[in-house]
Amino acid sequence: MKPLRPSERRALWGLAAFVLGTLMVVGVWQPARQNLAQATLRVEQQLELANRLAQAQPVRQTGPQQPLAPFISESAQRANLELQQLDIAGPMLNVAVAGDALAVLAWLQGLEAAGAHLHSLALQPKGALLQARAGVTNRPDR
């Protein structure tokens, strides 16, 4: 193999510099710009959410429109849940239901949406079912 002429050597160095520059742009600069764009978008979304939360007005809930015990019993039956306990303890009802986990959680969310207030809540898996025990009232603590 014979040695390279100076012009060939310069051409190889130029080619190496071009390849290195291309790799830097593709491997470092472009991913950094994409990460910056994604981070900027996430920050804007978080700021928009924070502004919406700051402007949100609390909803005044008055409680279910019917007495609490029949409301709980009927709503549990509509949700295909097994009502295991419904005891009156002063102004609070102690309730225990069991059923499909998603159905139990949706039922609890529905109770709160209707204005019932959960003072205590314990969730426990029972095989394929989820059991929920809760202390429920018609009004918030004051």
C-alpha atoms as a PDB file:
ATOM      1  CA  MET A   1       0.000   0.000   0.000  1.00  0.00           C
ATOM      2  CA  LYS A   2       1.442   3.333  -0.952  1.00  0.00           C
ATOM      3  CA  PRO A   3       1.142   6.444   1.193  1.00  0.00           C
ATOM      4  CA  LEU A   4      -1.648   8.918   0.531  1.00  0.00           C
ATOM      5  CA  ARG A   5      -0.940  12.172  -1.187  1.00  0.00           C
ATOM      6  CA  PRO A   6      -1.599  15.349   0.820  1.00  0.00           C
ATOM      7  CA  SER A   7      -4.718  16.184  -1.245  1.00  0.00           C
ATOM      8  CA  GLU A   8      -6.166  12.716  -0.567  1.00  0.00           C
ATOM      9  CA  ARG A   9      -5.343  13.040   3.104  1.00  0.00           C
ATOM     10  CA  ARG A  10      -7.159  16.416   3.262  1.00  0.00           C
ATOM     11  CA  ALA A  11     -10.140  14.915   1.452  1.00  0.00           C
ATOM     12  CA  LEU A  12     -10.312  12.039   3.967  1.00  0.00           C
ATOM     13  CA  TRP A  13     -10.091  14.472   6.899  1.00  0.00           C
ATOM     14  CA  GLY A  14     -12.842  16.565   5.325  1.00  0.00           C
ATOM     15  CA  LEU A  15     -15.009  13.491   4.829  1.00  0.00           C
ATOM     16  CA  ALA A  16     -14.382  12.383   8.438  1.00  0.00           C
ATOM     17  CA  ALA A  17     -15.322  15.861   9.706  1.00  0.00           C
ATOM     18  CA  PHE A  18     -18.496  15.837   7.587  1.00  0.00           C
ATOM     19  CA  VAL A  19     -19.526  12.380   8.861  1.00  0.00           C
ATOM     20  CA  LEU A  20     -18.769  13.372  12.464  1.00  0.00           C
ATOM     21  CA  GLY A  21     -20.766  16.600  12.072  1.00  0.00           C
ATOM     22  CA  THR A  22     -23.705  14.706  10.565  1.00  0.00           C
ATOM     23  CA  LEU A  23     -23.663  12.165  13.396  1.00  0.00           C
ATOM     24  CA  MET A  24     -23.617  14.975  15.970  1.00  0.00           C
ATOM     25  CA  VAL A  25     -26.603  16.684  14.357  1.00  0.00           C
ATOM     26  CA  VAL A  26     -28.619  13.482  13.984  1.00  0.00           C
ATOM     27  CA  GLY A  27     -27.581  11.854  17.251  1.00  0.00           C
ATOM     28  CA  VAL A  28     -27.452  14.813  19.641  1.00  0.00           C
ATOM     29  CA  TRP A  29     -28.930  18.057  18.366  1.00  0.00           C
ATOM     30  CA  GLN A  30     -32.194  16.743  16.854  1.00  0.00           C
ATOM     31  CA  PRO A  31     -33.162  14.547  19.851  1.00  0.00           C
ATOM     32  CA  ALA A  32     -32.369  17.450  22.186  1.00  0.00           C
ATOM     33  CA  ARG A  33     -34.678  19.744  20.172  1.00  0.00           C
ATOM     34  CA  GLN A  34     -37.437  17.105  20.195  1.00  0.00           C
ATOM     35  CA  ASN A  35     -37.107  16.662  23.975  1.00  0.00           C
ATOM     36  CA  LEU A  36     -37.236  20.439  24.418  1.00  0.00           C
ATOM     37  CA  ALA A  37     -40.387  20.679  22.293  1.00  0.00           C
ATOM     38  CA  GLN A  38     -42.073  17.880  24.255  1.00  0.00           C
ATOM     39  CA  ALA A  39     -41.099  19.426  27.592  1.00  0.00           C
ATOM     40  CA  THR A  40     -42.387  22.816  26.485  1.00  0.00           C
ATOM     41  CA  LEU A  41     -45.708  21.274  25.465  1.00  0.00           C
ATOM     42  CA  ARG A  42     -46.025  19.465  28.823  1.00  0.00           C
ATOM     43  CA  VAL A  43     -45.288  22.681  30.726  1.00  0.00           C
ATOM     44  CA  GLU A  44     -47.898  24.581  28.705  1.00  0.00           C
ATOM     45  CA  GLN A  45     -50.460  21.841  29.394  1.00  0.00           C
ATOM     46  CA  GLN A  46     -49.671  21.908  33.123  1.00  0.00           C
ATOM     47  CA  LEU A  47     -49.983  25.711  33.215  1.00  0.00           C
ATOM     48  CA  GLU A  48     -53.327  25.550  31.417  1.00  0.00           C
ATOM     49  CA  LEU A  49     -54.562  22.916  33.870  1.00  0.00           C
ATOM     50  CA  ALA A  50     -53.343  24.973  36.836  1.00  0.00           C
ATOM     51  CA  ASN A  51     -55.176  28.033  35.499  1.00  0.00           C
ATOM     52  CA  ARG A  52     -58.366  26.042  34.991  1.00  0.00           C
ATOM     53  CA  LEU A  53     -58.138  24.637  38.522  1.00  0.00           C
ATOM     54  CA  ALA A  54     -57.532  28.110  39.962  1.00  0.00           C
ATOM     55  CA  GLN A  55     -60.644  29.421  38.212  1.00  0.00           C
ATOM     56  CA  ALA A  56     -62.855  26.443  39.119  1.00  0.00           C
ATOM     57  CA  GLN A  57     -65.721  27.142  41.471  1.00  0.00           C
ATOM     58  CA  PRO A  58     -66.651  24.531  44.075  1.00  0.00           C
ATOM     59  CA  VAL A  59     -69.952  22.805  43.503  1.00  0.00           C
ATOM     60  CA  ARG A  60     -72.337  23.012  46.413  1.00  0.00           C
ATOM     61  CA  GLN A  61     -73.679  19.565  47.061  1.00  0.00           C
ATOM     62  CA  THR A  62     -76.834  19.234  49.091  1.00  0.00           C
ATOM     63  CA  GLY A  63     -76.918  15.460  49.356  1.00  0.00           C
ATOM     64  CA  PRO A  64     -79.215  12.905  47.783  1.00  0.00           C
ATOM     65  CA  GLN A  65     -82.797  14.080  47.255  1.00  0.00           C
ATOM     66  CA  GLN A  66     -84.231  11.059  49.090  1.00  0.00           C
ATOM     67  CA  PRO A  67     -83.390   9.577  52.501  1.00  0.00           C
ATOM     68  CA  LEU A  68     -79.870   8.185  52.572  1.00  0.00           C
ATOM     69  CA  ALA A  69     -80.552   4.535  53.477  1.00  0.00           C
ATOM     70  CA  PRO A  70     -83.007   3.841  50.618  1.00  0.00           C
ATOM     71  CA  PHE A  71     -80.793   5.830  48.238  1.00  0.00           C
ATOM     72  CA  ILE A  72     -77.764   3.680  49.110  1.00  0.00           C
ATOM     73  CA  SER A  73     -79.746   0.456  48.915  1.00  0.00           C
ATOM     74  CA  GLU A  74     -81.286   1.291  45.532  1.00  0.00           C
ATOM     75  CA  SER A  75     -78.067   2.594  44.011  1.00  0.00           C
ATOM     76  CA  ALA A  76     -76.148  -0.514  45.148  1.00  0.00           C
ATOM     77  CA  GLN A  77     -78.841  -2.722  43.606  1.00  0.00           C
ATOM     78  CA  ARG A  78     -78.695  -0.731  40.322  1.00  0.00           C
ATOM     79  CA  ALA A  79     -74.910  -1.205  40.281  1.00  0.00           C
ATOM     80  CA  ASN A  80     -75.293  -4.999  40.756  1.00  0.00           C
ATOM     81  CA  LEU A  81     -73.495  -4.884  44.098  1.00  0.00           C
ATOM     82  CA  GLU A  82     -74.154  -7.098  47.091  1.00  0.00           C
ATOM     83  CA  LEU A  83     -75.240  -4.920  50.028  1.00  0.00           C
ATOM     84  CA  GLN A  84     -73.640  -6.708  52.989  1.00  0.00           C
ATOM     85  CA  GLN A  85     -74.277  -4.159  55.736  1.00  0.00           C
ATOM     86  CA  LEU A  86     -76.398  -1.050  56.219  1.00  0.00           C
ATOM     87  CA  ASP A  87     -76.425   0.095  59.850  1.00  0.00           C
ATOM     88  CA  ILE A  88     -77.460   3.453  61.273  1.00  0.00           C
ATOM     89  CA  ALA A  89     -74.964   4.952  63.705  1.00  0.00           C
ATOM     90  CA  GLY A  90     -76.349   8.368  64.645  1.00  0.00           C
ATOM     91  CA  PRO A  91     -76.250  10.649  61.611  1.00  0.00           C
ATOM     92  CA  MET A  92     -73.940   8.220  59.814  1.00  0.00           C
ATOM     93  CA  LEU A  93     -74.681   5.008  57.963  1.00  0.00           C
ATOM     94  CA  ASN A  94     -72.175   2.175  58.054  1.00  0.00           C
ATOM     95  CA  VAL A  95     -72.290   0.510  54.658  1.00  0.00           C
ATOM     96  CA  ALA A  96     -70.548  -2.561  53.267  1.00  0.00           C
ATOM     97  CA  VAL A  97     -70.887  -3.630  49.640  1.00  0.00           C
ATOM     98  CA  ALA A  98     -69.076  -6.180  47.493  1.00  0.00           C
ATOM     99  CA  GLY A  99     -68.860  -6.690  43.765  1.00  0.00           C
ATOM    100  CA  ASP A 100     -66.737  -6.168  40.695  1.00  0.00           C
ATOM    101  CA  ALA A 101     -63.923  -3.716  41.522  1.00  0.00           C
ATOM    102  CA  LEU A 102     -64.833  -1.242  38.781  1.00  0.00           C
ATOM    103  CA  ALA A 103     -68.517  -1.376  39.742  1.00  0.00           C
ATOM    104  CA  VAL A 104     -67.700  -0.732  43.416  1.00  0.00           C
ATOM    105  CA  LEU A 105     -65.452   2.219  42.590  1.00  0.00           C
ATOM    106  CA  ALA A 106     -68.005   3.676  40.159  1.00  0.00           C
ATOM    107  CA  TRP A 107     -70.719   3.281  42.813  1.00  0.00           C
ATOM    108  CA  LEU A 108     -68.602   5.114  45.402  1.00  0.00           C
ATOM    109  CA  GLN A 109     -67.952   7.894  42.913  1.00  0.00           C
ATOM    110  CA  GLY A 110     -71.684   8.057  42.181  1.00  0.00           C
ATOM    111  CA  LEU A 111     -72.462   8.398  45.893  1.00  0.00           C
ATOM    112  CA  GLU A 112     -70.131  11.363  46.182  1.00  0.00           C
ATOM    113  CA  ALA A 113     -71.479  12.901  42.961  1.00  0.00           C
ATOM    114  CA  ALA A 114     -74.995  12.656  44.403  1.00  0.00           C
ATOM    115  CA  GLY A 115     -73.851  14.579  47.491  1.00  0.00           C
ATOM    116  CA  ALA A 116     -73.287  11.786  50.002  1.00  0.00           C
ATOM    117  CA  HIS A 117     -70.129  12.273  52.047  1.00  0.00           C
ATOM    118  CA  LEU A 118     -67.747   9.424  52.818  1.00  0.00           C
ATOM    119  CA  HIS A 119     -66.239   9.887  56.272  1.00  0.00           C
ATOM    120  CA  SER A 120     -64.326   6.639  56.211  1.00  0.00           C
ATOM    121  CA  LEU A 121     -63.547   4.109  53.522  1.00  0.00           C
ATOM    122  CA  ALA A 122     -61.832   0.733  53.592  1.00  0.00           C
ATOM    123  CA  LEU A 123     -61.347  -1.353  50.451  1.00  0.00           C
ATOM    124  CA  GLN A 124     -60.432  -5.019  50.627  1.00  0.00           C
ATOM    125  CA  PRO A 125     -60.128  -7.591  47.840  1.00  0.00           C
ATOM    126  CA  LYS A 126     -62.148 -10.762  48.435  1.00  0.00           C
ATOM    127  CA  GLY A 127     -61.144 -13.212  45.722  1.00  0.00           C
ATOM    128  CA  ALA A 128     -62.315 -11.755  42.411  1.00  0.00           C
ATOM    129  CA  LEU A 129     -64.488  -9.177  44.198  1.00  0.00           C
ATOM    130  CA  LEU A 130     -63.771  -5.906  45.964  1.00  0.00           C
ATOM    131  CA  GLN A 131     -65.393  -5.175  49.319  1.00  0.00           C
ATOM    132  CA  ALA A 132     -65.942  -1.567  50.393  1.00  0.00           C
ATOM    133  CA  ARG A 133     -66.820  -0.484  53.926  1.00  0.00           C
ATOM    134  CA  ALA A 134     -67.753   3.162  54.374  1.00  0.00           C
ATOM    135  CA  GLY A 135     -69.222   5.599  56.841  1.00  0.00           C
ATOM    136  CA  VAL A 136     -71.623   7.821  54.893  1.00  0.00           C
ATOM    137  CA  THR A 137     -73.659  10.933  55.753  1.00  0.00           C
ATOM    138  CA  ASN A 138     -75.927  13.293  53.859  1.00  0.00           C
ATOM    139  CA  ARG A 139     -73.959  16.404  54.730  1.00  0.00           C
ATOM    140  CA  PRO A 140     -70.328  17.430  55.216  1.00  0.00           C
ATOM    141  CA  ASP A 141     -68.682  17.738  58.618  1.00  0.00           C
ATOM    142  CA  ARG A 142     -69.109  21.155  60.162  1.00  0.00           C
END
